[in-house]
């Protein structure tokens, strides 16, 4: 029940990403582009609404702006 308490943020983000269905290359590229932004500024990025809607359509859930690095899987973002 409390096994998640010793978990770091990166582990929680990876666990969240593992629950997602396979995502399109285009969505991963958008995640990579957005991951270059500070997480608190991502929501103001002009591409965020497009990404959010595509993510909802493909994954069936809302994206986590702080976890974009695990979606794009780029070493520099995660």
PDB file of N, CA and C in Angstrom:
ATOM      1  N   UNK A   1       0.807  -1.193   0.000  1.00  0.00           N
ATOM      2  CA  UNK A   1       0.000   0.000   0.000  1.00  0.00           C
ATOM      3  C   UNK A   1       0.850   1.257   0.000  1.00  0.00           C
ATOM      4  N   UNK A   2       1.975   1.257   0.723  1.00  0.00           N
ATOM      5  CA  UNK A   2       2.802   2.453   0.828  1.00  0.00           C
ATOM      6  C   UNK A   2       4.106   2.333   0.040  1.00  0.00           C
ATOM      7  N   UNK A   3       4.184   1.377  -0.891  1.00  0.00           N
ATOM      8  CA  UNK A   3       5.424   1.182  -1.632  1.00  0.00           C
ATOM      9  C   UNK A   3       5.806   2.384  -2.479  1.00  0.00           C
ATOM     10  N   UNK A   4       4.849   3.219  -2.850  1.00  0.00           N
ATOM     11  CA  UNK A   4       5.124   4.390  -3.688  1.00  0.00           C
ATOM     12  C   UNK A   4       5.792   5.519  -2.906  1.00  0.00           C
ATOM     13  N   UNK A   5       5.837   5.454  -1.591  1.00  0.00           N
ATOM     14  CA  UNK A   5       6.404   6.548  -0.806  1.00  0.00           C
ATOM     15  C   UNK A   5       7.910   6.710  -1.020  1.00  0.00           C
ATOM     16  N   UNK A   6       8.615   5.641  -1.319  1.00  0.00           N
ATOM     17  CA  UNK A   6      10.042   5.725  -1.563  1.00  0.00           C
ATOM     18  C   UNK A   6      10.381   6.043  -3.013  1.00  0.00           C
ATOM     19  N   UNK A   7       9.381   6.285  -3.797  1.00  0.00           N
ATOM     20  CA  UNK A   7       9.529   6.519  -5.220  1.00  0.00           C
ATOM     21  C   UNK A   7       9.888   7.973  -5.510  1.00  0.00           C
ATOM     22  N   UNK A   8      10.763   8.189  -6.472  1.00  0.00           N
ATOM     23  CA  UNK A   8      11.073   9.560  -6.877  1.00  0.00           C
ATOM     24  C   UNK A   8      10.109   9.974  -7.997  1.00  0.00           C
ATOM     25  N   UNK A   9      10.118  11.264  -8.321  1.00  0.00           N
ATOM     26  CA  UNK A   9       9.233  11.784  -9.354  1.00  0.00           C
ATOM     27  C   UNK A   9       9.462  11.071 -10.684  1.00  0.00           C
ATOM     28  N   UNK A  10      10.707  10.826 -11.042  1.00  0.00           N
ATOM     29  CA  UNK A  10      11.009  10.153 -12.307  1.00  0.00           C
ATOM     30  C   UNK A  10      10.393   8.761 -12.349  1.00  0.00           C
ATOM     31  N   UNK A  11      10.418   8.050 -11.234  1.00  0.00           N
ATOM     32  CA  UNK A  11       9.810   6.714 -11.190  1.00  0.00           C
ATOM     33  C   UNK A  11       8.302   6.786 -11.371  1.00  0.00           C
ATOM     34  N   UNK A  12       7.661   7.770 -10.724  1.00  0.00           N
ATOM     35  CA  UNK A  12       6.214   7.931 -10.877  1.00  0.00           C
ATOM     36  C   UNK A  12       5.859   8.284 -12.316  1.00  0.00           C
ATOM     37  N   UNK A  13       6.685   9.139 -12.953  1.00  0.00           N
ATOM     38  CA  UNK A  13       6.418   9.522 -14.336  1.00  0.00           C
ATOM     39  C   UNK A  13       6.569   8.326 -15.272  1.00  0.00           C
ATOM     40  N   UNK A  14       7.593   7.521 -15.040  1.00  0.00           N
ATOM     41  CA  UNK A  14       7.781   6.324 -15.872  1.00  0.00           C
ATOM     42  C   UNK A  14       6.620   5.350 -15.688  1.00  0.00           C
ATOM     43  N   UNK A  15       6.190   5.171 -14.453  1.00  0.00           N
ATOM     44  CA  UNK A  15       5.078   4.272 -14.176  1.00  0.00           C
ATOM     45  C   UNK A  15       3.816   4.771 -14.881  1.00  0.00           C
ATOM     46  N   UNK A  16       3.588   6.082 -14.850  1.00  0.00           N
ATOM     47  CA  UNK A  16       2.441   6.676 -15.550  1.00  0.00           C
ATOM     48  C   UNK A  16       2.557   6.419 -17.048  1.00  0.00           C
ATOM     49  N   UNK A  17       3.740   6.643 -17.607  1.00  0.00           N
ATOM     50  CA  UNK A  17       3.937   6.456 -19.048  1.00  0.00           C
ATOM     51  C   UNK A  17       3.748   4.998 -19.451  1.00  0.00           C
ATOM     52  N   UNK A  18       4.092   4.069 -18.556  1.00  0.00           N
ATOM     53  CA  UNK A  18       3.927   2.647 -18.860  1.00  0.00           C
ATOM     54  C   UNK A  18       2.464   2.246 -19.000  1.00  0.00           C
ATOM     55  N   UNK A  19       1.556   3.053 -18.450  1.00  0.00           N
ATOM     56  CA  UNK A  19       0.130   2.722 -18.544  1.00  0.00           C
ATOM     57  C   UNK A  19      -0.489   3.231 -19.841  1.00  0.00           C
ATOM     58  N   UNK A  20       0.260   4.022 -20.601  1.00  0.00           N
ATOM     59  CA  UNK A  20      -0.276   4.615 -21.826  1.00  0.00           C
ATOM     60  C   UNK A  20      -0.223   3.625 -22.983  1.00  0.00           C
ATOM     61  N   UNK A  21      -1.156   3.736 -23.910  1.00  0.00           N
ATOM     62  CA  UNK A  21      -1.069   2.917 -25.123  1.00  0.00           C
ATOM     63  C   UNK A  21       0.086   3.434 -25.991  1.00  0.00           C
ATOM     64  N   UNK A  22       0.492   2.679 -27.002  1.00  0.00           N
ATOM     65  CA  UNK A  22       1.520   3.188 -27.918  1.00  0.00           C
ATOM     66  C   UNK A  22       1.060   4.512 -28.539  1.00  0.00           C
ATOM     67  N   UNK A  23       1.947   5.489 -28.546  1.00  0.00           N
ATOM     68  CA  UNK A  23       1.619   6.814 -29.069  1.00  0.00           C
ATOM     69  C   UNK A  23       2.277   7.018 -30.429  1.00  0.00           C
ATOM     70  N   UNK A  24       1.655   7.831 -31.259  1.00  0.00           N
ATOM     71  CA  UNK A  24       2.167   8.084 -32.606  1.00  0.00           C
ATOM     72  C   UNK A  24       3.491   8.836 -32.553  1.00  0.00           C
ATOM     73  N   UNK A  25       4.248   8.705 -33.626  1.00  0.00           N
ATOM     74  CA  UNK A  25       5.523   9.424 -33.734  1.00  0.00           C
ATOM     75  C   UNK A  25       5.297  10.937 -33.700  1.00  0.00           C
ATOM     76  N   UNK A  26       4.216  11.384 -34.322  1.00  0.00           N
ATOM     77  CA  UNK A  26       3.917  12.816 -34.347  1.00  0.00           C
ATOM     78  C   UNK A  26       3.657  13.352 -32.934  1.00  0.00           C
ATOM     79  N   UNK A  27       2.943  12.575 -32.150  1.00  0.00           N
ATOM     80  CA  UNK A  27       2.667  13.000 -30.777  1.00  0.00           C
ATOM     81  C   UNK A  27       3.950  13.013 -29.947  1.00  0.00           C
ATOM     82  N   UNK A  28       4.811  12.047 -30.167  1.00  0.00           N
ATOM     83  CA  UNK A  28       6.098  12.011 -29.453  1.00  0.00           C
ATOM     84  C   UNK A  28       6.975  13.204 -29.855  1.00  0.00           C
ATOM     85  N   UNK A  29       6.933  13.574 -31.126  1.00  0.00           N
ATOM     86  CA  UNK A  29       7.708  14.736 -31.576  1.00  0.00           C
ATOM     87  C   UNK A  29       7.184  16.027 -30.943  1.00  0.00           C
ATOM     88  N   UNK A  30       5.865  16.158 -30.856  1.00  0.00           N
ATOM     89  CA  UNK A  30       5.290  17.329 -30.180  1.00  0.00           C
ATOM     90  C   UNK A  30       5.683  17.340 -28.700  1.00  0.00           C
ATOM     91  N   UNK A  31       5.664  16.177 -28.068  1.00  0.00           N
ATOM     92  CA  UNK A  31       6.074  16.091 -26.658  1.00  0.00           C
ATOM     93  C   UNK A  31       7.521  16.526 -26.503  1.00  0.00           C
ATOM     94  N   UNK A  32       8.372  16.129 -27.431  1.00  0.00           N
ATOM     95  CA  UNK A  32       9.784  16.504 -27.395  1.00  0.00           C
ATOM     96  C   UNK A  32       9.939  18.020 -27.524  1.00  0.00           C
ATOM     97  N   UNK A  33       9.212  18.591 -28.441  1.00  0.00           N
ATOM     98  CA  UNK A  33       9.268  20.040 -28.634  1.00  0.00           C
ATOM     99  C   UNK A  33       8.805  20.775 -27.381  1.00  0.00           C
ATOM    100  N   UNK A  34       7.705  20.318 -26.803  1.00  0.00           N
ATOM    101  CA  UNK A  34       7.176  20.959 -25.602  1.00  0.00           C
ATOM    102  C   UNK A  34       8.048  20.704 -24.376  1.00  0.00           C
ATOM    103  N   UNK A  35       8.740  19.581 -24.338  1.00  0.00           N
ATOM    104  CA  UNK A  35       9.591  19.255 -23.191  1.00  0.00           C
ATOM    105  C   UNK A  35      10.765  20.220 -23.062  1.00  0.00           C
ATOM    106  N   UNK A  36      11.060  20.950 -24.126  1.00  0.00           N
ATOM    107  CA  UNK A  36      12.124  21.962 -24.058  1.00  0.00           C
ATOM    108  C   UNK A  36      11.721  23.152 -23.196  1.00  0.00           C
ATOM    109  N   UNK A  37      10.417  23.310 -22.970  1.00  0.00           N
ATOM    110  CA  UNK A  37       9.902  24.413 -22.156  1.00  0.00           C
ATOM    111  C   UNK A  37       9.934  24.040 -20.673  1.00  0.00           C
ATOM    112  N   UNK A  38       9.907  25.035 -19.816  1.00  0.00           N
ATOM    113  CA  UNK A  38       9.758  24.782 -18.389  1.00  0.00           C
ATOM    114  C   UNK A  38       8.343  24.257 -18.164  1.00  0.00           C
ATOM    115  N   UNK A  39       8.189  23.237 -17.291  1.00  0.00           N
ATOM    116  CA  UNK A  39       6.847  22.657 -17.088  1.00  0.00           C
ATOM    117  C   UNK A  39       5.774  23.684 -16.758  1.00  0.00           C
ATOM    118  N   UNK A  40       6.109  24.719 -16.007  1.00  0.00           N
ATOM    119  CA  UNK A  40       5.087  25.698 -15.631  1.00  0.00           C
ATOM    120  C   UNK A  40       4.689  26.593 -16.802  1.00  0.00           C
ATOM    121  N   UNK A  41       5.485  26.612 -17.881  1.00  0.00           N
ATOM    122  CA  UNK A  41       5.180  27.450 -19.045  1.00  0.00           C
ATOM    123  C   UNK A  41       4.562  26.667 -20.206  1.00  0.00           C
ATOM    124  N   UNK A  42       4.515  25.359 -20.088  1.00  0.00           N
ATOM    125  CA  UNK A  42       4.036  24.533 -21.199  1.00  0.00           C
ATOM    126  C   UNK A  42       2.589  24.859 -21.558  1.00  0.00           C
ATOM    127  N   UNK A  43       1.749  25.093 -20.569  1.00  0.00           N
ATOM    128  CA  UNK A  43       0.343  25.388 -20.826  1.00  0.00           C
ATOM    129  C   UNK A  43       0.121  26.647 -21.638  1.00  0.00           C
ATOM    130  N   UNK A  44       1.104  27.549 -21.663  1.00  0.00           N
ATOM    131  CA  UNK A  44       0.990  28.789 -22.434  1.00  0.00           C
ATOM    132  C   UNK A  44       1.595  28.652 -23.831  1.00  0.00           C
ATOM    133  N   UNK A  45       2.230  27.529 -24.119  1.00  0.00           N
ATOM    134  CA  UNK A  45       2.848  27.316 -25.428  1.00  0.00           C
ATOM    135  C   UNK A  45       1.748  27.207 -26.480  1.00  0.00           C
ATOM    136  N   UNK A  46       1.927  27.824 -27.655  1.00  0.00           N
ATOM    137  CA  UNK A  46       0.878  27.787 -28.685  1.00  0.00           C
ATOM    138  C   UNK A  46       0.523  26.368 -29.165  1.00  0.00           C
ATOM    139  N   UNK A  47       1.443  25.415 -29.032  1.00  0.00           N
ATOM    140  CA  UNK A  47       1.160  24.047 -29.473  1.00  0.00           C
ATOM    141  C   UNK A  47       0.517  23.181 -28.392  1.00  0.00           C
ATOM    142  N   UNK A  48       0.451  23.702 -27.159  1.00  0.00           N
ATOM    143  CA  UNK A  48      -0.106  22.892 -26.075  1.00  0.00           C
ATOM    144  C   UNK A  48      -1.551  22.445 -26.339  1.00  0.00           C
ATOM    145  N   UNK A  49      -2.460  23.316 -26.795  1.00  0.00           N
ATOM    146  CA  UNK A  49      -3.838  22.844 -27.047  1.00  0.00           C
ATOM    147  C   UNK A  49      -3.886  21.715 -28.080  1.00  0.00           C
ATOM    148  N   UNK A  50      -3.095  21.821 -29.135  1.00  0.00           N
ATOM    149  CA  UNK A  50      -3.039  20.765 -30.151  1.00  0.00           C
ATOM    150  C   UNK A  50      -2.528  19.472 -29.526  1.00  0.00           C
ATOM    151  N   UNK A  51      -1.426  19.560 -28.790  1.00  0.00           N
ATOM    152  CA  UNK A  51      -0.856  18.376 -28.151  1.00  0.00           C
ATOM    153  C   UNK A  51      -1.864  17.750 -27.189  1.00  0.00           C
ATOM    154  N   UNK A  52      -2.478  18.567 -26.350  1.00  0.00           N
ATOM    155  CA  UNK A  52      -3.431  18.065 -25.350  1.00  0.00           C
ATOM    156  C   UNK A  52      -4.580  17.314 -26.021  1.00  0.00           C
ATOM    157  N   UNK A  53      -5.119  17.886 -27.092  1.00  0.00           N
ATOM    158  CA  UNK A  53      -6.242  17.238 -27.782  1.00  0.00           C
ATOM    159  C   UNK A  53      -5.823  15.948 -28.487  1.00  0.00           C
ATOM    160  N   UNK A  54      -4.660  15.961 -29.122  1.00  0.00           N
ATOM    161  CA  UNK A  54      -4.159  14.734 -29.757  1.00  0.00           C
ATOM    162  C   UNK A  54      -3.863  13.664 -28.713  1.00  0.00           C
ATOM    163  N   UNK A  55      -3.282  14.087 -27.591  1.00  0.00           N
ATOM    164  CA  UNK A  55      -2.963  13.146 -26.527  1.00  0.00           C
ATOM    165  C   UNK A  55      -4.237  12.514 -25.976  1.00  0.00           C
ATOM    166  N   UNK A  56      -5.240  13.334 -25.749  1.00  0.00           N
ATOM    167  CA  UNK A  56      -6.524  12.808 -25.256  1.00  0.00           C
ATOM    168  C   UNK A  56      -7.108  11.808 -26.242  1.00  0.00           C
ATOM    169  N   UNK A  57      -7.015  12.110 -27.533  1.00  0.00           N
ATOM    170  CA  UNK A  57      -7.569  11.215 -28.552  1.00  0.00           C
ATOM    171  C   UNK A  57      -6.809   9.890 -28.605  1.00  0.00           C
ATOM    172  N   UNK A  58      -5.493   9.945 -28.481  1.00  0.00           N
ATOM    173  CA  UNK A  58      -4.694   8.722 -28.579  1.00  0.00           C
ATOM    174  C   UNK A  58      -4.627   7.945 -27.272  1.00  0.00           C
ATOM    175  N   UNK A  59      -4.470   8.652 -26.155  1.00  0.00           N
ATOM    176  CA  UNK A  59      -4.236   7.982 -24.878  1.00  0.00           C
ATOM    177  C   UNK A  59      -5.497   7.851 -24.034  1.00  0.00           C
ATOM    178  N   UNK A  60      -6.508   8.652 -24.327  1.00  0.00           N
ATOM    179  CA  UNK A  60      -7.738   8.584 -23.565  1.00  0.00           C
ATOM    180  C   UNK A  60      -7.646   9.203 -22.184  1.00  0.00           C
ATOM    181  N   UNK A  61      -6.641  10.034 -21.965  1.00  0.00           N
ATOM    182  CA  UNK A  61      -6.446  10.706 -20.680  1.00  0.00           C
ATOM    183  C   UNK A  61      -5.749  12.038 -20.919  1.00  0.00           C
ATOM    184  N   UNK A  62      -5.659  12.844 -19.894  1.00  0.00           N
ATOM    185  CA  UNK A  62      -4.979  14.127 -20.023  1.00  0.00           C
ATOM    186  C   UNK A  62      -3.472  13.958 -19.881  1.00  0.00           C
ATOM    187  N   UNK A  63      -2.698  14.737 -20.621  1.00  0.00           N
ATOM    188  CA  UNK A  63      -1.248  14.667 -20.486  1.00  0.00           C
ATOM    189  C   UNK A  63      -0.770  15.361 -19.216  1.00  0.00           C
ATOM    190  N   UNK A  64       0.368  14.944 -18.739  1.00  0.00           N
ATOM    191  CA  UNK A  64       1.013  15.560 -17.577  1.00  0.00           C
ATOM    192  C   UNK A  64       2.161  16.416 -18.102  1.00  0.00           C
ATOM    193  N   UNK A  65       2.071  17.749 -18.028  1.00  0.00           N
ATOM    194  CA  UNK A  65       3.138  18.600 -18.555  1.00  0.00           C
ATOM    195  C   UNK A  65       4.512  18.302 -17.965  1.00  0.00           C
ATOM    196  N   UNK A  66       4.549  17.840 -16.733  1.00  0.00           N
ATOM    197  CA  UNK A  66       5.835  17.545 -16.098  1.00  0.00           C
ATOM    198  C   UNK A  66       6.417  16.209 -16.548  1.00  0.00           C
ATOM    199  N   UNK A  67       5.640  15.414 -17.271  1.00  0.00           N
ATOM    200  CA  UNK A  67       6.100  14.087 -17.666  1.00  0.00           C
ATOM    201  C   UNK A  67       6.323  13.946 -19.167  1.00  0.00           C
ATOM    202  N   UNK A  68       6.458  15.055 -19.871  1.00  0.00           N
ATOM    203  CA  UNK A  68       6.637  14.979 -21.323  1.00  0.00           C
ATOM    204  C   UNK A  68       7.927  14.268 -21.706  1.00  0.00           C
ATOM    205  N   UNK A  69       8.931  14.348 -20.858  1.00  0.00           N
ATOM    206  CA  UNK A  69      10.201  13.676 -21.148  1.00  0.00           C
ATOM    207  C   UNK A  69      10.080  12.176 -21.245  1.00  0.00           C
ATOM    208  N   UNK A  70       9.158  11.576 -20.497  1.00  0.00           N
ATOM    209  CA  UNK A  70       8.975  10.124 -20.601  1.00  0.00           C
ATOM    210  C   UNK A  70       8.130   9.752 -21.805  1.00  0.00           C
ATOM    211  N   UNK A  71       7.406  10.712 -22.355  1.00  0.00           N
ATOM    212  CA  UNK A  71       6.624  10.444 -23.555  1.00  0.00           C
ATOM    213  C   UNK A  71       7.529  10.481 -24.782  1.00  0.00           C
ATOM    214  N   UNK A  72       8.388  11.490 -24.866  1.00  0.00           N
ATOM    215  CA  UNK A  72       9.266  11.592 -26.040  1.00  0.00           C
ATOM    216  C   UNK A  72      10.453  10.640 -25.927  1.00  0.00           C
ATOM    217  N   UNK A  73      10.812  10.244 -24.715  1.00  0.00           N
ATOM    218  CA  UNK A  73      11.895   9.292 -24.445  1.00  0.00           C
ATOM    219  C   UNK A  73      13.259   9.785 -24.895  1.00  0.00           C
ATOM    220  N   UNK A  74      13.459  11.074 -24.991  1.00  0.00           N
ATOM    221  CA  UNK A  74      14.759  11.624 -25.345  1.00  0.00           C
ATOM    222  C   UNK A  74      15.652  11.655 -24.100  1.00  0.00           C
ATOM    223  N   UNK A  75      16.904  11.249 -24.220  1.00  0.00           N
ATOM    224  CA  UNK A  75      17.789  11.267 -23.056  1.00  0.00           C
ATOM    225  C   UNK A  75      17.969  12.671 -22.475  1.00  0.00           C
ATOM    226  N   UNK A  76      17.952  13.699 -23.308  1.00  0.00           N
ATOM    227  CA  UNK A  76      18.158  15.059 -22.804  1.00  0.00           C
ATOM    228  C   UNK A  76      16.941  15.595 -22.056  1.00  0.00           C
ATOM    229  N   UNK A  77      15.784  14.968 -22.246  1.00  0.00           N
ATOM    230  CA  UNK A  77      14.584  15.414 -21.546  1.00  0.00           C
ATOM    231  C   UNK A  77      14.268  14.597 -20.315  1.00  0.00           C
ATOM    232  N   UNK A  78      14.913  13.455 -20.172  1.00  0.00           N
ATOM    233  CA  UNK A  78      14.607  12.634 -19.010  1.00  0.00           C
ATOM    234  C   UNK A  78      15.859  12.042 -18.460  1.00  0.00           C
TER     235      UNK A  78
END
